[in-house]
Amino acid sequence: MSGKVLKQKIDYIHNNPVEQSFVTDPVDWKYSSARNYADNETVLKIDNQGMHLGMIEL
């Protein structure tokens, strides 16, 4: 899977709560990993340090 496709999938997942009108911004969804990517306080911890594929940084 290319970096572009992976980023597309992650964006899709992060935007699901917005599409369902639960929140207006993906980082507002308490259990979303979008909060990790935005460096916000999170409930779920993921290691996104150095997360990249090839030349595409996520």
N, C-alpha and C. Protein backbone atom coordinates (compact mmCIF):
# COMPACT_ATOMS: atom_id res chain seq x y z
N MET A 1 0.86 -1.17 0.00
CA MET A 1 0.00 0.00 0.00
C MET A 1 0.90 1.23 0.00
N SER A 2 0.59 2.16 -0.87
CA SER A 2 1.40 3.37 -0.97
C SER A 2 1.09 4.31 0.20
N GLY A 3 2.01 5.24 0.45
CA GLY A 3 1.82 6.23 1.50
C GLY A 3 0.58 7.07 1.26
N LYS A 4 0.32 7.37 -0.01
CA LYS A 4 -0.85 8.18 -0.36
C LYS A 4 -2.14 7.45 0.00
N VAL A 5 -2.20 6.17 -0.31
CA VAL A 5 -3.39 5.37 -0.02
C VAL A 5 -3.55 5.20 1.49
N LEU A 6 -2.46 4.97 2.21
CA LEU A 6 -2.52 4.83 3.66
C LEU A 6 -3.03 6.11 4.30
N LYS A 7 -2.53 7.26 3.85
CA LYS A 7 -2.99 8.53 4.39
C LYS A 7 -4.47 8.73 4.09
N GLN A 8 -4.91 8.33 2.91
CA GLN A 8 -6.32 8.44 2.54
C GLN A 8 -7.19 7.61 3.50
N LYS A 9 -6.74 6.42 3.84
CA LYS A 9 -7.50 5.54 4.75
C LYS A 9 -7.54 6.13 6.16
N ILE A 10 -6.41 6.65 6.63
CA ILE A 10 -6.37 7.25 7.97
C ILE A 10 -7.28 8.47 8.02
N ASP A 11 -7.24 9.31 7.00
CA ASP A 11 -8.11 10.49 6.95
C ASP A 11 -9.58 10.08 6.95
N TYR A 12 -9.91 9.03 6.21
CA TYR A 12 -11.28 8.53 6.16
C TYR A 12 -11.75 8.12 7.56
N ILE A 13 -10.92 7.36 8.26
CA ILE A 13 -11.26 6.91 9.61
C ILE A 13 -11.41 8.10 10.55
N HIS A 14 -10.47 9.03 10.48
CA HIS A 14 -10.52 10.20 11.37
C HIS A 14 -11.75 11.06 11.10
N ASN A 15 -12.23 11.11 9.86
CA ASN A 15 -13.36 11.97 9.52
C ASN A 15 -14.72 11.32 9.72
N ASN A 16 -14.77 10.03 10.06
CA ASN A 16 -16.06 9.37 10.28
C ASN A 16 -16.91 10.07 11.34
N PRO A 17 -16.39 10.44 12.51
CA PRO A 17 -17.24 11.12 13.50
C PRO A 17 -17.75 12.48 12.99
N VAL A 18 -16.99 13.13 12.14
CA VAL A 18 -17.43 14.41 11.55
C VAL A 18 -18.57 14.15 10.57
N GLU A 19 -18.41 13.15 9.72
CA GLU A 19 -19.44 12.82 8.74
C GLU A 19 -20.76 12.42 9.41
N GLN A 20 -20.67 11.82 10.60
CA GLN A 20 -21.86 11.41 11.33
C GLN A 20 -22.42 12.53 12.23
N SER A 21 -21.80 13.71 12.14
CA SER A 21 -22.22 14.90 12.91
C SER A 21 -22.09 14.73 14.42
N PHE A 22 -21.16 13.87 14.85
CA PHE A 22 -20.90 13.75 16.28
C PHE A 22 -20.02 14.89 16.77
N VAL A 23 -19.10 15.34 15.91
CA VAL A 23 -18.19 16.45 16.21
C VAL A 23 -17.98 17.26 14.94
N THR A 24 -17.40 18.44 15.10
CA THR A 24 -17.14 19.26 13.91
C THR A 24 -15.69 19.17 13.47
N ASP A 25 -14.83 18.62 14.33
CA ASP A 25 -13.41 18.48 14.01
C ASP A 25 -12.96 17.09 14.50
N PRO A 26 -12.23 16.34 13.69
CA PRO A 26 -11.81 14.99 14.09
C PRO A 26 -11.10 14.94 15.45
N VAL A 27 -10.35 15.95 15.80
CA VAL A 27 -9.62 15.92 17.08
C VAL A 27 -10.56 16.09 18.28
N ASP A 28 -11.81 16.47 18.03
CA ASP A 28 -12.78 16.60 19.11
C ASP A 28 -13.38 15.26 19.54
N TRP A 29 -13.18 14.23 18.72
CA TRP A 29 -13.69 12.89 19.06
C TRP A 29 -12.71 12.27 20.05
N LYS A 30 -13.19 12.04 21.26
CA LYS A 30 -12.35 11.63 22.39
C LYS A 30 -11.48 10.41 22.11
N TYR A 31 -12.00 9.44 21.38
CA TYR A 31 -11.28 8.19 21.17
C TYR A 31 -10.59 8.09 19.82
N SER A 32 -10.43 9.20 19.13
CA SER A 32 -9.82 9.18 17.81
C SER A 32 -8.30 9.33 17.88
N SER A 33 -7.62 8.58 17.03
CA SER A 33 -6.16 8.75 16.94
C SER A 33 -5.80 10.06 16.27
N ALA A 34 -6.79 10.76 15.71
CA ALA A 34 -6.53 12.09 15.14
C ALA A 34 -5.95 13.00 16.21
N ARG A 35 -6.33 12.78 17.46
CA ARG A 35 -5.81 13.56 18.58
C ARG A 35 -4.30 13.33 18.74
N ASN A 36 -3.84 12.11 18.49
CA ASN A 36 -2.41 11.82 18.58
C ASN A 36 -1.64 12.56 17.50
N TYR A 37 -2.18 12.59 16.31
CA TYR A 37 -1.51 13.25 15.21
C TYR A 37 -1.48 14.76 15.40
N ALA A 38 -2.45 15.29 16.16
CA ALA A 38 -2.50 16.73 16.43
C ALA A 38 -1.78 17.08 17.73
N ASP A 39 -1.17 16.09 18.38
CA ASP A 39 -0.46 16.28 19.66
C ASP A 39 -1.36 16.79 20.77
N ASN A 40 -2.62 16.38 20.75
CA ASN A 40 -3.55 16.72 21.82
C ASN A 40 -3.51 15.65 22.90
N GLU A 41 -4.06 15.94 24.07
CA GLU A 41 -4.18 14.95 25.12
C GLU A 41 -5.08 13.83 24.62
N THR A 42 -4.71 12.60 24.88
CA THR A 42 -5.45 11.47 24.33
C THR A 42 -5.83 10.47 25.40
N VAL A 43 -6.83 9.69 25.10
CA VAL A 43 -7.23 8.57 25.94
C VAL A 43 -6.48 7.33 25.48
N LEU A 44 -6.36 7.19 24.16
CA LEU A 44 -5.66 6.05 23.56
C LEU A 44 -4.25 6.48 23.21
N LYS A 45 -3.28 5.70 23.61
CA LYS A 45 -1.89 6.02 23.31
C LYS A 45 -1.43 5.21 22.10
N ILE A 46 -0.89 5.89 21.11
CA ILE A 46 -0.28 5.22 19.97
C ILE A 46 1.11 5.81 19.76
N ASP A 47 1.97 5.02 19.19
CA ASP A 47 3.31 5.50 18.88
C ASP A 47 3.31 5.97 17.43
N ASN A 48 3.21 7.29 17.23
CA ASN A 48 3.23 7.81 15.87
C ASN A 48 4.53 8.55 15.59
N GLN A 49 5.54 8.36 16.44
CA GLN A 49 6.83 8.97 16.22
C GLN A 49 7.50 8.28 15.04
N GLY A 50 7.94 9.08 14.09
CA GLY A 50 8.61 8.53 12.92
C GLY A 50 7.69 7.79 11.99
N MET A 51 6.38 8.02 12.11
CA MET A 51 5.42 7.32 11.26
C MET A 51 5.48 7.90 9.86
N HIS A 52 6.05 7.15 8.95
CA HIS A 52 6.13 7.59 7.57
C HIS A 52 6.33 6.39 6.66
N LEU A 53 5.99 6.56 5.42
CA LEU A 53 6.23 5.54 4.40
C LEU A 53 6.98 6.19 3.27
N GLY A 54 8.17 5.75 3.03
CA GLY A 54 8.95 6.34 1.96
C GLY A 54 9.16 7.82 2.19
N MET A 55 8.80 8.64 1.22
CA MET A 55 8.97 10.07 1.32
C MET A 55 7.71 10.77 1.86
N ILE A 56 6.64 10.01 2.11
CA ILE A 56 5.37 10.59 2.56
C ILE A 56 5.34 10.54 4.08
N GLU A 57 5.23 11.66 4.71
CA GLU A 57 5.13 11.70 6.17
C GLU A 57 3.68 11.82 6.55
N LEU A 58 3.23 11.01 7.50
CA LEU A 58 1.82 11.03 7.93
C LEU A 58 1.64 11.94 9.10
